[in-house]
């Protein structure tokens, strides 16, 4: 390893995204504009939800709406801004 890289400290952030829906915490694999991809989809009706986005010890939370709900047959879930 070259000296220019060996003297630098490294950090790998712990990033976690979750969907909170009716008290259930559902792991999210990917978050994009207007959608998210669930790790393991489950059947849920349309309605309000929250997204928790955590990087290391910093957490952000915002409300969304799931206009189409969640289909157990698809990892992709449409989201729109909530109240």
PDB file of N, CA and C in Angstrom:
ATOM      1  N   UNK A   1       0.853  -1.175   0.000  1.00  0.00           N
ATOM      2  CA  UNK A   1       0.000   0.000   0.000  1.00  0.00           C
ATOM      3  C   UNK A   1       0.894   1.233   0.000  1.00  0.00           C
ATOM      4  N   UNK A   2       0.524   2.207  -0.778  1.00  0.00           N
ATOM      5  CA  UNK A   2       1.346   3.413  -0.841  1.00  0.00           C
ATOM      6  C   UNK A   2       1.165   4.238   0.426  1.00  0.00           C
ATOM      7  N   UNK A   3       2.208   4.968   0.846  1.00  0.00           N
ATOM      8  CA  UNK A   3       2.127   5.765   2.072  1.00  0.00           C
ATOM      9  C   UNK A   3       1.021   6.814   2.050  1.00  0.00           C
ATOM     10  N   UNK A   4       0.672   7.317   0.873  1.00  0.00           N
ATOM     11  CA  UNK A   4      -0.357   8.353   0.823  1.00  0.00           C
ATOM     12  C   UNK A   4      -1.716   7.831   1.275  1.00  0.00           C
ATOM     13  N   UNK A   5      -1.969   6.537   1.122  1.00  0.00           N
ATOM     14  CA  UNK A   5      -3.234   5.963   1.551  1.00  0.00           C
ATOM     15  C   UNK A   5      -3.162   5.385   2.962  1.00  0.00           C
ATOM     16  N   UNK A   6      -2.010   4.907   3.373  1.00  0.00           N
ATOM     17  CA  UNK A   6      -1.910   4.263   4.670  1.00  0.00           C
ATOM     18  C   UNK A   6      -2.018   5.244   5.831  1.00  0.00           C
ATOM     19  N   UNK A   7      -1.787   6.528   5.622  1.00  0.00           N
ATOM     20  CA  UNK A   7      -1.865   7.516   6.689  1.00  0.00           C
ATOM     21  C   UNK A   7      -3.261   8.110   6.843  1.00  0.00           C
ATOM     22  N   UNK A   8      -4.173   7.768   5.973  1.00  0.00           N
ATOM     23  CA  UNK A   8      -5.532   8.311   6.034  1.00  0.00           C
ATOM     24  C   UNK A   8      -6.424   7.413   6.872  1.00  0.00           C
ATOM     25  N   UNK A   9      -7.221   8.048   7.713  1.00  0.00           N
ATOM     26  CA  UNK A   9      -8.191   7.284   8.488  1.00  0.00           C
ATOM     27  C   UNK A   9      -9.381   6.952   7.613  1.00  0.00           C
ATOM     28  N   UNK A  10      -9.984   5.834   7.836  1.00  0.00           N
ATOM     29  CA  UNK A  10     -11.140   5.460   7.040  1.00  0.00           C
ATOM     30  C   UNK A  10     -12.366   5.324   7.913  1.00  0.00           C
ATOM     31  N   UNK A  11     -13.502   5.481   7.297  1.00  0.00           N
ATOM     32  CA  UNK A  11     -14.761   5.333   8.017  1.00  0.00           C
ATOM     33  C   UNK A  11     -15.782   4.755   7.059  1.00  0.00           C
ATOM     34  N   UNK A  12     -16.416   3.706   7.485  1.00  0.00           N
ATOM     35  CA  UNK A  12     -17.505   3.128   6.729  1.00  0.00           C
ATOM     36  C   UNK A  12     -18.781   3.390   7.513  1.00  0.00           C
ATOM     37  N   UNK A  13     -19.640   4.218   6.969  1.00  0.00           N
ATOM     38  CA  UNK A  13     -20.856   4.627   7.678  1.00  0.00           C
ATOM     39  C   UNK A  13     -21.836   3.461   7.792  1.00  0.00           C
ATOM     40  N   UNK A  14     -22.543   3.415   8.903  1.00  0.00           N
ATOM     41  CA  UNK A  14     -23.624   2.476   9.119  1.00  0.00           C
ATOM     42  C   UNK A  14     -24.907   3.165   8.668  1.00  0.00           C
ATOM     43  N   UNK A  15     -25.423   2.762   7.512  1.00  0.00           N
ATOM     44  CA  UNK A  15     -26.608   3.388   6.932  1.00  0.00           C
ATOM     45  C   UNK A  15     -27.771   2.400   6.993  1.00  0.00           C
ATOM     46  N   UNK A  16     -28.877   2.851   7.570  1.00  0.00           N
ATOM     47  CA  UNK A  16     -30.071   2.004   7.660  1.00  0.00           C
ATOM     48  C   UNK A  16     -31.293   2.830   7.290  1.00  0.00           C
ATOM     49  N   UNK A  17     -32.160   2.213   6.498  1.00  0.00           N
ATOM     50  CA  UNK A  17     -33.408   2.856   6.101  1.00  0.00           C
ATOM     51  C   UNK A  17     -34.544   1.910   6.480  1.00  0.00           C
ATOM     52  N   UNK A  18     -35.560   2.451   7.124  1.00  0.00           N
ATOM     53  CA  UNK A  18     -36.709   1.635   7.527  1.00  0.00           C
ATOM     54  C   UNK A  18     -37.996   2.356   7.172  1.00  0.00           C
ATOM     55  N   UNK A  19     -39.016   1.579   6.895  1.00  0.00           N
ATOM     56  CA  UNK A  19     -40.364   2.085   6.674  1.00  0.00           C
ATOM     57  C   UNK A  19     -41.177   1.692   7.901  1.00  0.00           C
ATOM     58  N   UNK A  20     -41.799   2.666   8.536  1.00  0.00           N
ATOM     59  CA  UNK A  20     -42.646   2.406   9.698  1.00  0.00           C
ATOM     60  C   UNK A  20     -44.094   2.498   9.234  1.00  0.00           C
ATOM     61  N   UNK A  21     -44.806   1.397   9.393  1.00  0.00           N
ATOM     62  CA  UNK A  21     -46.170   1.320   8.888  1.00  0.00           C
ATOM     63  C   UNK A  21     -47.031   0.596   9.919  1.00  0.00           C
ATOM     64  N   UNK A  22     -47.980   1.312  10.510  1.00  0.00           N
ATOM     65  CA  UNK A  22     -48.879   0.742  11.525  1.00  0.00           C
ATOM     66  C   UNK A  22     -48.113   0.042  12.644  1.00  0.00           C
ATOM     67  N   UNK A  23     -47.017   0.646  13.079  1.00  0.00           N
ATOM     68  CA  UNK A  23     -46.227   0.083  14.169  1.00  0.00           C
ATOM     69  C   UNK A  23     -45.215  -0.961  13.745  1.00  0.00           C
ATOM     70  N   UNK A  24     -45.265  -1.411  12.498  1.00  0.00           N
ATOM     71  CA  UNK A  24     -44.302  -2.390  11.986  1.00  0.00           C
ATOM     72  C   UNK A  24     -43.096  -1.672  11.393  1.00  0.00           C
ATOM     73  N   UNK A  25     -41.897  -2.216  11.623  1.00  0.00           N
ATOM     74  CA  UNK A  25     -40.681  -1.694  11.033  1.00  0.00           C
ATOM     75  C   UNK A  25     -40.279  -2.620   9.893  1.00  0.00           C
ATOM     76  N   UNK A  26     -40.243  -2.054   8.682  1.00  0.00           N
ATOM     77  CA  UNK A  26     -39.955  -2.842   7.486  1.00  0.00           C
ATOM     78  C   UNK A  26     -38.635  -2.346   6.904  1.00  0.00           C
ATOM     79  N   UNK A  27     -37.616  -3.220   6.798  1.00  0.00           N
ATOM     80  CA  UNK A  27     -36.319  -2.806   6.247  1.00  0.00           C
ATOM     81  C   UNK A  27     -36.427  -2.394   4.773  1.00  0.00           C
ATOM     82  N   UNK A  28     -35.758  -1.298   4.428  1.00  0.00           N
ATOM     83  CA  UNK A  28     -35.745  -0.774   3.060  1.00  0.00           C
ATOM     84  C   UNK A  28     -34.360  -1.015   2.467  1.00  0.00           C
ATOM     85  N   UNK A  29     -34.322  -1.575   1.265  1.00  0.00           N
ATOM     86  CA  UNK A  29     -33.055  -1.853   0.585  1.00  0.00           C
ATOM     87  C   UNK A  29     -32.533  -0.625  -0.147  1.00  0.00           C
ATOM     88  N   UNK A  30     -33.450   0.161  -0.720  1.00  0.00           N
ATOM     89  CA  UNK A  30     -33.048   1.330  -1.517  1.00  0.00           C
ATOM     90  C   UNK A  30     -34.150   2.369  -1.481  1.00  0.00           C
ATOM     91  N   UNK A  31     -33.736   3.631  -1.458  1.00  0.00           N
ATOM     92  CA  UNK A  31     -34.674   4.747  -1.456  1.00  0.00           C
ATOM     93  C   UNK A  31     -34.385   5.619  -2.657  1.00  0.00           C
ATOM     94  N   UNK A  32     -35.405   5.900  -3.450  1.00  0.00           N
ATOM     95  CA  UNK A  32     -35.229   6.742  -4.628  1.00  0.00           C
ATOM     96  C   UNK A  32     -36.296   7.815  -4.672  1.00  0.00           C
ATOM     97  N   UNK A  33     -36.267   8.653  -5.711  1.00  0.00           N
ATOM     98  CA  UNK A  33     -37.285   9.708  -5.822  1.00  0.00           C
ATOM     99  C   UNK A  33     -38.653   9.109  -6.153  1.00  0.00           C
ATOM    100  N   UNK A  34     -39.553   9.171  -5.195  1.00  0.00           N
ATOM    101  CA  UNK A  34     -40.908   8.685  -5.419  1.00  0.00           C
ATOM    102  C   UNK A  34     -41.095   7.191  -5.243  1.00  0.00           C
ATOM    103  N   UNK A  35     -40.072   6.482  -4.793  1.00  0.00           N
ATOM    104  CA  UNK A  35     -40.221   5.043  -4.592  1.00  0.00           C
ATOM    105  C   UNK A  35     -39.204   4.551  -3.571  1.00  0.00           C
ATOM    106  N   UNK A  36     -39.448   3.351  -3.102  1.00  0.00           N
ATOM    107  CA  UNK A  36     -38.455   2.644  -2.313  1.00  0.00           C
ATOM    108  C   UNK A  36     -38.531   1.174  -2.684  1.00  0.00           C
ATOM    109  N   UNK A  37     -37.444   0.465  -2.405  1.00  0.00           N
ATOM    110  CA  UNK A  37     -37.387  -0.971  -2.634  1.00  0.00           C
ATOM    111  C   UNK A  37     -37.248  -1.651  -1.285  1.00  0.00           C
ATOM    112  N   UNK A  38     -38.165  -2.556  -1.007  1.00  0.00           N
ATOM    113  CA  UNK A  38     -38.133  -3.265   0.261  1.00  0.00           C
ATOM    114  C   UNK A  38     -37.248  -4.498   0.160  1.00  0.00           C
ATOM    115  N   UNK A  39     -36.637  -4.869   1.274  1.00  0.00           N
ATOM    116  CA  UNK A  39     -35.842  -6.084   1.299  1.00  0.00           C
ATOM    117  C   UNK A  39     -36.749  -7.303   1.153  1.00  0.00           C
ATOM    118  N   UNK A  40     -37.859  -7.313   1.904  1.00  0.00           N
ATOM    119  CA  UNK A  40     -38.825  -8.412   1.855  1.00  0.00           C
ATOM    120  C   UNK A  40     -40.234  -7.818   1.852  1.00  0.00           C
ATOM    121  N   UNK A  41     -40.862  -7.720   0.693  1.00  0.00           N
ATOM    122  CA  UNK A  41     -42.192  -7.102   0.633  1.00  0.00           C
ATOM    123  C   UNK A  41     -43.252  -7.947   1.341  1.00  0.00           C
ATOM    124  N   UNK A  42     -44.216  -7.248   1.928  1.00  0.00           N
ATOM    125  CA  UNK A  42     -45.359  -7.871   2.568  1.00  0.00           C
ATOM    126  C   UNK A  42     -46.609  -7.120   2.121  1.00  0.00           C
ATOM    127  N   UNK A  43     -47.725  -7.758   2.173  1.00  0.00           N
ATOM    128  CA  UNK A  43     -48.985  -7.144   1.727  1.00  0.00           C
ATOM    129  C   UNK A  43     -49.470  -6.116   2.746  1.00  0.00           C
ATOM    130  N   UNK A  44     -49.679  -4.874   2.299  1.00  0.00           N
ATOM    131  CA  UNK A  44     -50.207  -3.815   3.158  1.00  0.00           C
ATOM    132  C   UNK A  44     -51.066  -2.884   2.304  1.00  0.00           C
ATOM    133  N   UNK A  45     -52.159  -2.352   2.872  1.00  0.00           N
ATOM    134  CA  UNK A  45     -53.030  -1.446   2.114  1.00  0.00           C
ATOM    135  C   UNK A  45     -52.422  -0.049   1.994  1.00  0.00           C
ATOM    136  N   UNK A  46     -52.981   0.784   1.113  1.00  0.00           N
ATOM    137  CA  UNK A  46     -52.544   2.183   1.012  1.00  0.00           C
ATOM    138  C   UNK A  46     -52.747   2.894   2.345  1.00  0.00           C
ATOM    139  N   UNK A  47     -51.923   3.920   2.577  1.00  0.00           N
ATOM    140  CA  UNK A  47     -52.086   4.693   3.800  1.00  0.00           C
ATOM    141  C   UNK A  47     -50.826   5.435   4.184  1.00  0.00           C
ATOM    142  N   UNK A  48     -50.845   6.087   5.349  1.00  0.00           N
ATOM    143  CA  UNK A  48     -49.692   6.856   5.809  1.00  0.00           C
ATOM    144  C   UNK A  48     -48.605   5.942   6.376  1.00  0.00           C
ATOM    145  N   UNK A  49     -47.366   6.423   6.296  1.00  0.00           N
ATOM    146  CA  UNK A  49     -46.214   5.697   6.832  1.00  0.00           C
ATOM    147  C   UNK A  49     -45.124   6.718   7.145  1.00  0.00           C
ATOM    148  N   UNK A  50     -44.046   6.274   7.717  1.00  0.00           N
ATOM    149  CA  UNK A  50     -42.883   7.126   7.983  1.00  0.00           C
ATOM    150  C   UNK A  50     -41.634   6.408   7.495  1.00  0.00           C
ATOM    151  N   UNK A  51     -40.665   7.197   7.068  1.00  0.00           N
ATOM    152  CA  UNK A  51     -39.360   6.659   6.692  1.00  0.00           C
ATOM    153  C   UNK A  51     -38.354   7.143   7.718  1.00  0.00           C
ATOM    154  N   UNK A  52     -37.541   6.228   8.199  1.00  0.00           N
ATOM    155  CA  UNK A  52     -36.435   6.567   9.090  1.00  0.00           C
ATOM    156  C   UNK A  52     -35.149   6.298   8.326  1.00  0.00           C
ATOM    157  N   UNK A  53     -34.324   7.327   8.216  1.00  0.00           N
ATOM    158  CA  UNK A  53     -33.045   7.266   7.506  1.00  0.00           C
ATOM    159  C   UNK A  53     -31.953   7.541   8.530  1.00  0.00           C
ATOM    160  N   UNK A  54     -31.152   6.526   8.825  1.00  0.00           N
ATOM    161  CA  UNK A  54     -30.135   6.671   9.861  1.00  0.00           C
ATOM    162  C   UNK A  54     -28.744   6.449   9.284  1.00  0.00           C
ATOM    163  N   UNK A  55     -27.845   7.402   9.554  1.00  0.00           N
ATOM    164  CA  UNK A  55     -26.441   7.285   9.200  1.00  0.00           C
ATOM    165  C   UNK A  55     -25.663   7.399  10.500  1.00  0.00           C
ATOM    166  N   UNK A  56     -24.993   6.311  10.863  1.00  0.00           N
ATOM    167  CA  UNK A  56     -24.306   6.225  12.155  1.00  0.00           C
ATOM    168  C   UNK A  56     -25.294   6.573  13.267  1.00  0.00           C
ATOM    169  N   UNK A  57     -25.054   7.631  14.014  1.00  0.00           N
ATOM    170  CA  UNK A  57     -25.934   7.987  15.132  1.00  0.00           C
ATOM    171  C   UNK A  57     -26.926   9.099  14.793  1.00  0.00           C
ATOM    172  N   UNK A  58     -26.919   9.562  13.541  1.00  0.00           N
ATOM    173  CA  UNK A  58     -27.813  10.641  13.128  1.00  0.00           C
ATOM    174  C   UNK A  58     -29.023  10.052  12.415  1.00  0.00           C
ATOM    175  N   UNK A  59     -30.194  10.471  12.860  1.00  0.00           N
ATOM    176  CA  UNK A  59     -31.425   9.920  12.306  1.00  0.00           C
ATOM    177  C   UNK A  59     -32.336  11.028  11.804  1.00  0.00           C
ATOM    178  N   UNK A  60     -32.914  10.807  10.634  1.00  0.00           N
ATOM    179  CA  UNK A  60     -33.948  11.700  10.095  1.00  0.00           C
ATOM    180  C   UNK A  60     -35.208  10.878   9.895  1.00  0.00           C
ATOM    181  N   UNK A  61     -36.339  11.527  10.089  1.00  0.00           N
ATOM    182  CA  UNK A  61     -37.620  10.845   9.931  1.00  0.00           C
ATOM    183  C   UNK A  61     -38.577  11.769   9.207  1.00  0.00           C
ATOM    184  N   UNK A  62     -39.325  11.230   8.251  1.00  0.00           N
ATOM    185  CA  UNK A  62     -40.332  12.040   7.576  1.00  0.00           C
ATOM    186  C   UNK A  62     -41.525  11.165   7.212  1.00  0.00           C
ATOM    187  N   UNK A  63     -42.667  11.830   7.108  1.00  0.00           N
ATOM    188  CA  UNK A  63     -43.920  11.148   6.799  1.00  0.00           C
ATOM    189  C   UNK A  63     -44.108  11.050   5.297  1.00  0.00           C
ATOM    190  N   UNK A  64     -44.644   9.919   4.883  1.00  0.00           N
ATOM    191  CA  UNK A  64     -44.962   9.668   3.480  1.00  0.00           C
ATOM    192  C   UNK A  64     -46.339   9.028   3.418  1.00  0.00           C
ATOM    193  N   UNK A  65     -46.815   8.895   2.213  1.00  0.00           N
ATOM    194  CA  UNK A  65     -48.060   8.176   1.963  1.00  0.00           C
ATOM    195  C   UNK A  65     -47.768   7.095   0.943  1.00  0.00           C
ATOM    196  N   UNK A  66     -48.377   5.944   1.121  1.00  0.00           N
ATOM    197  CA  UNK A  66     -48.247   4.842   0.164  1.00  0.00           C
ATOM    198  C   UNK A  66     -49.546   4.761  -0.625  1.00  0.00           C
ATOM    199  N   UNK A  67     -49.628   5.446  -1.779  1.00  0.00           N
ATOM    200  CA  UNK A  67     -50.899   5.520  -2.496  1.00  0.00           C
ATOM    201  C   UNK A  67     -51.379   4.177  -3.035  1.00  0.00           C
ATOM    202  N   UNK A  68     -50.447   3.251  -3.283  1.00  0.00           N
ATOM    203  CA  UNK A  68     -50.803   1.940  -3.827  1.00  0.00           C
ATOM    204  C   UNK A  68     -50.620   0.826  -2.805  1.00  0.00           C
ATOM    205  N   UNK A  69     -50.233   1.179  -1.581  1.00  0.00           N
ATOM    206  CA  UNK A  69     -49.959   0.164  -0.579  1.00  0.00           C
ATOM    207  C   UNK A  69     -48.696  -0.612  -0.931  1.00  0.00           C
ATOM    208  N   UNK A  70     -48.581  -1.806  -0.367  1.00  0.00           N
ATOM    209  CA  UNK A  70     -47.438  -2.683  -0.645  1.00  0.00           C
ATOM    210  C   UNK A  70     -47.986  -4.015  -1.128  1.00  0.00           C
ATOM    211  N   UNK A  71     -47.417  -4.521  -2.210  1.00  0.00           N
ATOM    212  CA  UNK A  71     -47.783  -5.824  -2.741  1.00  0.00           C
ATOM    213  C   UNK A  71     -46.710  -6.837  -2.358  1.00  0.00           C
ATOM    214  N   UNK A  72     -47.118  -7.971  -1.840  1.00  0.00           N
ATOM    215  CA  UNK A  72     -46.160  -9.011  -1.458  1.00  0.00           C
ATOM    216  C   UNK A  72     -45.380  -9.517  -2.673  1.00  0.00           C
ATOM    217  N   UNK A  73     -45.891  -9.271  -3.867  1.00  0.00           N
ATOM    218  CA  UNK A  73     -45.246  -9.747  -5.080  1.00  0.00           C
ATOM    219  C   UNK A  73     -44.264  -8.772  -5.694  1.00  0.00           C
ATOM    220  N   UNK A  74     -44.056  -7.592  -5.086  1.00  0.00           N
ATOM    221  CA  UNK A  74     -43.160  -6.582  -5.664  1.00  0.00           C
ATOM    222  C   UNK A  74     -42.376  -5.871  -4.569  1.00  0.00           C
ATOM    223  N   UNK A  75     -41.083  -5.726  -4.778  1.00  0.00           N
ATOM    224  CA  UNK A  75     -40.252  -5.000  -3.819  1.00  0.00           C
ATOM    225  C   UNK A  75     -40.398  -3.484  -3.962  1.00  0.00           C
ATOM    226  N   UNK A  76     -40.875  -3.018  -5.114  1.00  0.00           N
ATOM    227  CA  UNK A  76     -40.992  -1.581  -5.381  1.00  0.00           C
ATOM    228  C   UNK A  76     -42.286  -1.020  -4.799  1.00  0.00           C
ATOM    229  N   UNK A  77     -42.168   0.079  -4.044  1.00  0.00           N
ATOM    230  CA  UNK A  77     -43.310   0.717  -3.410  1.00  0.00           C
ATOM    231  C   UNK A  77     -43.307   2.203  -3.767  1.00  0.00           C
ATOM    232  N   UNK A  78     -44.417   2.688  -4.290  1.00  0.00           N
ATOM    233  CA  UNK A  78     -44.545   4.098  -4.600  1.00  0.00           C
ATOM    234  C   UNK A  78     -44.781   4.883  -3.323  1.00  0.00           C
ATOM    235  N   UNK A  79     -44.048   6.015  -3.174  1.00  0.00           N
ATOM    236  CA  UNK A  79     -44.237   6.892  -2.023  1.00  0.00           C
ATOM    237  C   UNK A  79     -44.464   8.318  -2.505  1.00  0.00           C
ATOM    238  N   UNK A  80     -45.271   9.046  -1.753  1.00  0.00           N
ATOM    239  CA  UNK A  80     -45.480  10.475  -2.008  1.00  0.00           C
ATOM    240  C   UNK A  80     -45.332  11.186  -0.663  1.00  0.00           C
ATOM    241  N   UNK A  81     -45.039  12.476  -0.712  1.00  0.00           N
ATOM    242  CA  UNK A  81     -44.874  13.249   0.518  1.00  0.00           C
ATOM    243  C   UNK A  81     -46.152  13.190   1.345  1.00  0.00           C
ATOM    244  N   UNK A  82     -45.958  13.051   2.640  1.00  0.00           N
ATOM    245  CA  UNK A  82     -47.094  13.000   3.561  1.00  0.00           C
ATOM    246  C   UNK A  82     -47.159  14.268   4.374  1.00  0.00           C
ATOM    247  N   UNK A  83     -48.029  14.264   5.352  1.00  0.00           N
ATOM    248  CA  UNK A  83     -48.220  15.427   6.229  1.00  0.00           C
ATOM    249  C   UNK A  83     -47.171  15.484   7.303  1.00  0.00           C
TER     250      UNK A  83
END
